[in-house]
């Protein structure tokens, strides 16, 4: 029977595979970059197979590395879950998590109880913001942002692919509004998201007409509530629309979803002092629910 790899090497490999950066992985695990690199090289030597393609300022997984990373991540997660369920946890960890207000309210908040059931030893302090650029990164352990990955000064990891949908008031009896209903209702614009109406019209072929009145709001939450009150139509992220419907808001999705270039990204917290394993568990869970 072949000897199982050193668990420390596996932790280092999983973390490096998640970040695609030896530097970021070493910082998360609290070890030096050279130590983490040695762990990965030792693992590759034992397996007799390269797990990464290494280039200047570029680290990517080989095909075997991608498959192995998935298996190792699942195995480590199973070990963590089994340990907690059998022996409990004698330590509580707090993570400060920041997310855009619409992501926090219309998607994340409804799923956090699930995380608590899996990881009762981790407390989440959820804070939100409207404009990510105006917020500092100090004292934040995990940060979510939505955008096109244009933050060249900070490490960001893409964890989602997003689409937009049109939502309209839900008609009594559950009947969905028709596409033609769009011509008779006001359009609701979300600041910073205005171009999505243009993308929707150009992609779906729906005729854009002049409307008597239009609402402009600064959050998707406000747009959803106006739609639910019968105030018009809005274009929002599909996962937000589905959560709004699941939680009882009186809105309906009309037409097909349209892909967009914006995605959710994980941003490395600055000077985070959170427990590395707790942070790793939460980030892995985020990747699962956004996938």
Protein backbone atom coordinates (compact mmCIF):
# COMPACT_ATOMS: atom_id res chain seq x y z
CA UNK A 1 0.00 0.00 0.00
CA UNK A 2 1.55 3.39 -0.96
CA UNK A 3 2.44 5.75 1.87
CA UNK A 4 -0.01 8.63 2.32
CA UNK A 5 1.44 12.12 1.79
CA UNK A 6 2.38 14.26 4.76
CA UNK A 7 -0.80 16.11 5.93
CA UNK A 8 1.21 19.34 6.29
CA UNK A 9 2.23 19.09 2.64
CA UNK A 10 -1.41 18.56 1.67
CA UNK A 11 -2.53 21.66 3.65
CA UNK A 12 0.13 23.73 1.93
CA UNK A 13 -0.79 22.38 -1.50
CA UNK A 14 -4.52 23.01 -1.00
CA UNK A 15 -3.91 26.57 0.16
CA UNK A 16 -1.53 27.32 -2.74
CA UNK A 17 -4.04 25.80 -5.20
CA UNK A 18 -6.79 28.02 -3.82
CA UNK A 19 -4.76 31.24 -3.99
CA UNK A 20 -2.60 30.33 -7.01
CA UNK A 21 0.09 32.14 -5.07
CA UNK A 22 2.77 30.72 -2.75
CA UNK A 23 3.09 34.13 -1.10
CA UNK A 24 -0.61 34.46 -0.25
CA UNK A 25 -0.84 30.82 0.83
CA UNK A 26 2.16 31.15 3.13
CA UNK A 27 0.66 34.28 4.69
CA UNK A 28 -2.63 32.46 5.35
CA UNK A 29 -0.91 29.48 6.97
CA UNK A 30 1.53 31.60 8.95
CA UNK A 31 4.69 30.06 7.47
CA UNK A 32 7.43 31.35 5.20
CA UNK A 33 7.10 31.21 1.43
CA UNK A 34 10.20 29.03 1.19
CA UNK A 35 8.72 26.55 3.68
CA UNK A 36 5.47 26.34 1.73
CA UNK A 37 7.34 25.93 -1.55
CA UNK A 38 9.36 23.10 0.01
CA UNK A 39 6.15 21.38 1.16
CA UNK A 40 4.72 21.50 -2.38
CA UNK A 41 7.96 20.32 -4.01
CA UNK A 42 8.19 17.44 -1.52
CA UNK A 43 4.60 16.44 -2.30
CA UNK A 44 5.28 16.55 -6.04
CA UNK A 45 8.41 14.46 -5.55
CA UNK A 46 6.51 11.80 -3.59
CA UNK A 47 3.71 11.69 -6.16
CA UNK A 48 6.14 11.74 -9.07
CA UNK A 49 4.06 14.33 -10.87
CA UNK A 50 4.09 18.14 -11.13
CA UNK A 51 1.01 19.83 -9.64
CA UNK A 52 1.75 23.41 -10.77
CA UNK A 53 3.06 25.17 -13.83
CA UNK A 54 5.51 27.76 -12.52
CA UNK A 55 6.33 30.94 -14.44
CA UNK A 56 7.49 34.42 -13.47
CA UNK A 57 4.67 35.92 -11.36
CA UNK A 58 2.30 33.24 -12.63
CA UNK A 59 1.25 30.02 -10.93
CA UNK A 60 -1.31 27.68 -12.48
CA UNK A 61 -2.43 24.14 -11.72
CA UNK A 62 -1.72 21.27 -14.06
CA UNK A 63 -4.71 19.13 -15.04
CA UNK A 64 -3.67 16.54 -12.47
CA UNK A 65 -3.17 19.34 -9.95
CA UNK A 66 -6.72 20.62 -10.51
CA UNK A 67 -8.22 17.18 -9.94
CA UNK A 68 -6.02 16.53 -6.89
CA UNK A 69 -6.79 19.94 -5.35
CA UNK A 70 -10.52 19.17 -5.43
CA UNK A 71 -10.00 15.79 -3.74
CA UNK A 72 -7.60 17.14 -1.13
CA UNK A 73 -9.88 20.08 -0.29
CA UNK A 74 -12.84 17.74 0.20
CA UNK A 75 -10.78 15.33 2.33
CA UNK A 76 -9.46 18.11 4.59
CA UNK A 77 -12.97 19.49 4.97
CA UNK A 78 -14.28 16.04 5.93
CA UNK A 79 -11.55 15.69 8.55
CA UNK A 80 -12.39 19.08 10.02
CA UNK A 81 -16.11 18.28 10.12
CA UNK A 82 -15.53 14.88 11.69
CA UNK A 83 -13.22 16.31 14.35
CA UNK A 84 -15.72 18.97 15.38
CA UNK A 85 -18.72 16.61 15.35
CA UNK A 86 -16.97 13.94 17.44
CA UNK A 87 -14.87 16.00 19.80
CA UNK A 88 -16.38 19.46 19.63
CA UNK A 89 -14.33 22.62 19.51
CA UNK A 90 -12.74 24.26 22.51
CA UNK A 91 -12.09 27.47 20.65
CA UNK A 92 -14.28 30.19 19.17
CA UNK A 93 -13.02 32.16 16.22
CA UNK A 94 -14.44 35.43 14.91
CA UNK A 95 -14.15 36.48 11.29
CA UNK A 96 -14.93 40.01 10.14
CA UNK A 97 -16.52 39.64 6.70
CA UNK A 98 -17.29 42.59 4.46
CA UNK A 99 -19.49 42.38 1.37
CA UNK A 100 -21.45 44.73 -0.91
CA UNK A 101 -24.74 45.55 0.80
CA UNK A 102 -26.83 43.82 -1.89
CA UNK A 103 -24.68 40.69 -1.79
CA UNK A 104 -24.84 40.64 2.00
CA UNK A 105 -28.61 41.18 2.18
CA UNK A 106 -29.93 39.43 -0.92
CA UNK A 107 -27.66 36.39 -0.95
CA UNK A 108 -25.16 35.87 1.87
CA UNK A 109 -27.31 36.55 4.95
CA UNK A 110 -29.82 33.84 4.01
CA UNK A 111 -27.05 31.24 3.79
CA UNK A 112 -24.98 32.08 6.86
CA UNK A 113 -27.07 29.85 9.18
CA UNK A 114 -25.96 26.92 7.01
CA UNK A 115 -22.31 27.83 7.65
CA UNK A 116 -22.96 28.08 11.38
CA UNK A 117 -24.44 24.57 11.43
CA UNK A 118 -21.30 23.22 9.76
CA UNK A 119 -18.82 25.34 11.75
CA UNK A 120 -20.33 26.21 15.16
CA UNK A 121 -16.90 27.30 16.41
CA UNK A 122 -16.72 30.26 14.00
CA UNK A 123 -18.54 33.54 14.61
CA UNK A 124 -19.19 35.77 11.60
CA UNK A 125 -19.30 39.54 11.98
CA UNK A 126 -20.89 40.69 8.73
CA UNK A 127 -20.44 44.32 7.68
CA UNK A 128 -21.54 45.82 4.38
CA UNK A 129 -20.80 48.76 2.15
CA UNK A 130 -22.31 50.35 -0.94
CA UNK A 131 -19.12 51.56 -2.61
CA UNK A 132 -16.17 49.18 -2.15
CA UNK A 133 -13.58 51.75 -3.25
CA UNK A 134 -14.45 54.05 -0.36
CA UNK A 135 -13.78 51.41 2.31
CA UNK A 136 -10.37 50.57 3.73
CA UNK A 137 -9.19 46.99 4.13
CA UNK A 138 -8.00 47.30 7.73
CA UNK A 139 -9.53 45.00 10.34
CA UNK A 140 -11.32 42.91 7.70
CA UNK A 141 -10.52 39.20 7.51
CA UNK A 142 -12.53 38.25 4.41
CA UNK A 143 -13.83 40.68 1.81
CA UNK A 144 -16.17 40.12 -1.12
CA UNK A 145 -16.34 42.54 -4.00
CA UNK A 146 -18.27 42.59 -7.23
CA UNK A 147 -16.59 43.92 -10.34
CA UNK A 148 -14.47 42.97 -13.31
CA UNK A 149 -11.29 42.35 -11.32
CA UNK A 150 -9.84 45.77 -12.03
CA UNK A 151 -8.11 46.12 -8.63
CA UNK A 152 -4.47 45.97 -9.71
CA UNK A 153 -3.12 46.98 -6.30
CA UNK A 154 -4.67 44.13 -4.29
CA UNK A 155 -4.83 40.34 -4.71
CA UNK A 156 -8.30 39.25 -5.86
CA UNK A 157 -9.62 35.77 -6.65
CA UNK A 158 -12.68 35.29 -8.87
CA UNK A 159 -15.26 32.96 -7.31
CA UNK A 160 -18.38 33.43 -9.44
CA UNK A 161 -19.79 33.95 -12.90
CA UNK A 162 -22.79 36.27 -12.88
CA UNK A 163 -25.84 36.86 -15.08
CA UNK A 164 -28.53 39.53 -14.96
CA UNK A 165 -32.30 39.14 -15.25
CA UNK A 166 -35.28 41.46 -15.50
CA UNK A 167 -37.64 41.38 -12.55
CA UNK A 168 -41.23 42.66 -12.59
CA UNK A 169 -44.03 42.75 -10.02
CA UNK A 170 -45.53 39.31 -9.42
CA UNK A 171 -49.07 39.27 -10.76
CA UNK A 172 -51.84 37.96 -8.52
CA UNK A 173 -52.38 34.26 -9.09
CA UNK A 174 -48.72 33.64 -9.84
CA UNK A 175 -48.89 34.55 -13.53
CA UNK A 176 -45.62 35.98 -14.80
CA UNK A 177 -45.72 39.33 -16.59
CA UNK A 178 -45.14 39.23 -20.35
CA UNK A 179 -42.27 40.91 -22.14
CA UNK A 180 -44.73 43.43 -23.56
CA UNK A 181 -45.56 44.59 -20.02
CA UNK A 182 -42.14 46.22 -19.96
CA UNK A 183 -43.35 48.91 -22.34
CA UNK A 184 -46.00 50.14 -19.88
CA UNK A 185 -43.95 50.19 -16.67
CA UNK A 186 -41.24 52.50 -15.32
CA UNK A 187 -37.64 51.36 -15.43
CA UNK A 188 -35.70 51.33 -12.18
CA UNK A 189 -32.03 52.24 -12.48
CA UNK A 190 -29.40 51.28 -9.90
CA UNK A 191 -26.49 53.71 -9.53
CA UNK A 192 -23.28 52.12 -10.77
CA UNK A 193 -25.35 49.54 -12.64
CA UNK A 194 -27.13 51.73 -15.18
CA UNK A 195 -25.45 50.18 -18.22
CA UNK A 196 -27.12 46.86 -17.48
CA UNK A 197 -30.44 48.05 -18.97
CA UNK A 198 -28.63 48.86 -22.22
CA UNK A 199 -26.96 45.44 -22.19
CA UNK A 200 -30.28 43.74 -21.50
CA UNK A 201 -32.06 45.49 -24.37
CA UNK A 202 -29.22 44.89 -26.85
CA UNK A 203 -28.88 41.21 -25.93
CA UNK A 204 -32.55 40.21 -25.70
CA UNK A 205 -33.83 42.20 -28.65
CA UNK A 206 -36.56 43.81 -26.54
CA UNK A 207 -37.49 47.24 -27.93
CA UNK A 208 -36.43 50.12 -25.68
CA UNK A 209 -39.06 52.84 -25.51
CA UNK A 210 -39.49 56.12 -23.67
CA UNK A 211 -41.12 55.82 -20.25
CA UNK A 212 -43.10 58.42 -18.39
CA UNK A 213 -41.25 57.98 -15.12
CA UNK A 214 -38.09 56.32 -13.89
CA UNK A 215 -36.74 55.56 -10.43
CA UNK A 216 -33.04 55.84 -9.58
CA UNK A 217 -31.77 54.08 -6.44
CA UNK A 218 -28.36 53.33 -4.95
CA UNK A 219 -28.91 49.69 -3.93
CA UNK A 220 -30.39 46.56 -5.47
CA UNK A 221 -32.36 46.09 -2.24
CA UNK A 222 -34.31 49.30 -2.87
CA UNK A 223 -34.89 48.31 -6.50
CA UNK A 224 -36.32 44.92 -5.46
CA UNK A 225 -38.67 46.54 -2.93
CA UNK A 226 -39.94 49.07 -5.49
CA UNK A 227 -40.60 46.27 -7.97
CA UNK A 228 -42.39 44.23 -5.28
CA UNK A 229 -44.61 47.24 -4.56
CA UNK A 230 -45.64 47.42 -8.22
CA UNK A 231 -43.34 50.31 -9.08
CA UNK A 232 -41.78 49.02 -12.27
CA UNK A 233 -39.06 46.75 -13.66
CA UNK A 234 -35.41 46.38 -12.66
CA UNK A 235 -32.34 44.57 -13.93
CA UNK A 236 -30.50 42.74 -11.14
CA UNK A 237 -28.07 39.87 -10.65
CA UNK A 238 -29.81 36.54 -11.19
CA UNK A 239 -28.75 35.02 -7.86
CA UNK A 240 -30.20 38.05 -6.03
CA UNK A 241 -33.49 37.70 -7.90
CA UNK A 242 -33.77 33.99 -7.09
CA UNK A 243 -33.08 34.61 -3.39
CA UNK A 244 -35.65 37.43 -3.32
CA UNK A 245 -38.27 35.08 -4.76
CA UNK A 246 -37.28 32.23 -2.40
CA UNK A 247 -37.68 34.52 0.60
CA UNK A 248 -41.16 35.67 -0.36
CA UNK A 249 -40.68 38.98 -2.15
CA UNK A 250 -43.46 39.57 -4.67
CA UNK A 251 -41.31 39.75 -7.78
CA UNK A 252 -40.99 37.53 -10.84
CA UNK A 253 -38.17 36.88 -13.29
CA UNK A 254 -39.20 37.69 -16.86
CA UNK A 255 -37.30 36.45 -19.90
CA UNK A 256 -33.87 34.86 -20.17
CA UNK A 257 -30.75 35.61 -18.14
CA UNK A 258 -27.98 37.64 -19.78
CA UNK A 259 -24.27 37.01 -18.99
CA UNK A 260 -22.22 39.97 -17.71
CA UNK A 261 -18.51 40.56 -17.24
CA UNK A 262 -18.83 41.40 -13.55
CA UNK A 263 -18.19 38.67 -11.00
CA UNK A 264 -17.73 38.25 -7.26
CA UNK A 265 -14.13 38.26 -6.05
CA UNK A 266 -12.44 37.37 -2.79
CA UNK A 267 -10.08 40.13 -1.66
CA UNK A 268 -7.23 39.39 0.72
CA UNK A 269 -7.74 41.14 4.07
CA UNK A 270 -5.02 43.55 5.15
CA UNK A 271 -3.21 42.70 8.41
CA UNK A 272 -5.80 40.06 9.26
CA UNK A 273 -5.10 38.35 12.56
CA UNK A 274 -7.87 35.78 12.19
CA UNK A 275 -7.25 32.09 12.68
CA UNK A 276 -5.91 30.80 9.34
CA UNK A 277 -7.92 27.56 9.40
CA UNK A 278 -11.17 29.38 10.25
CA UNK A 279 -10.55 31.82 7.41
CA UNK A 280 -9.76 28.98 5.03
CA UNK A 281 -12.99 27.17 5.94
CA UNK A 282 -15.12 30.26 5.36
CA UNK A 283 -13.49 31.12 2.04
CA UNK A 284 -13.90 27.52 0.84
CA UNK A 285 -17.57 27.64 1.84
CA UNK A 286 -18.01 30.93 -0.03
CA UNK A 287 -16.54 29.38 -3.15
CA UNK A 288 -19.00 26.50 -2.85
CA UNK A 289 -22.13 28.66 -2.54
CA UNK A 290 -21.09 31.04 -5.31
CA UNK A 291 -20.12 28.26 -7.73
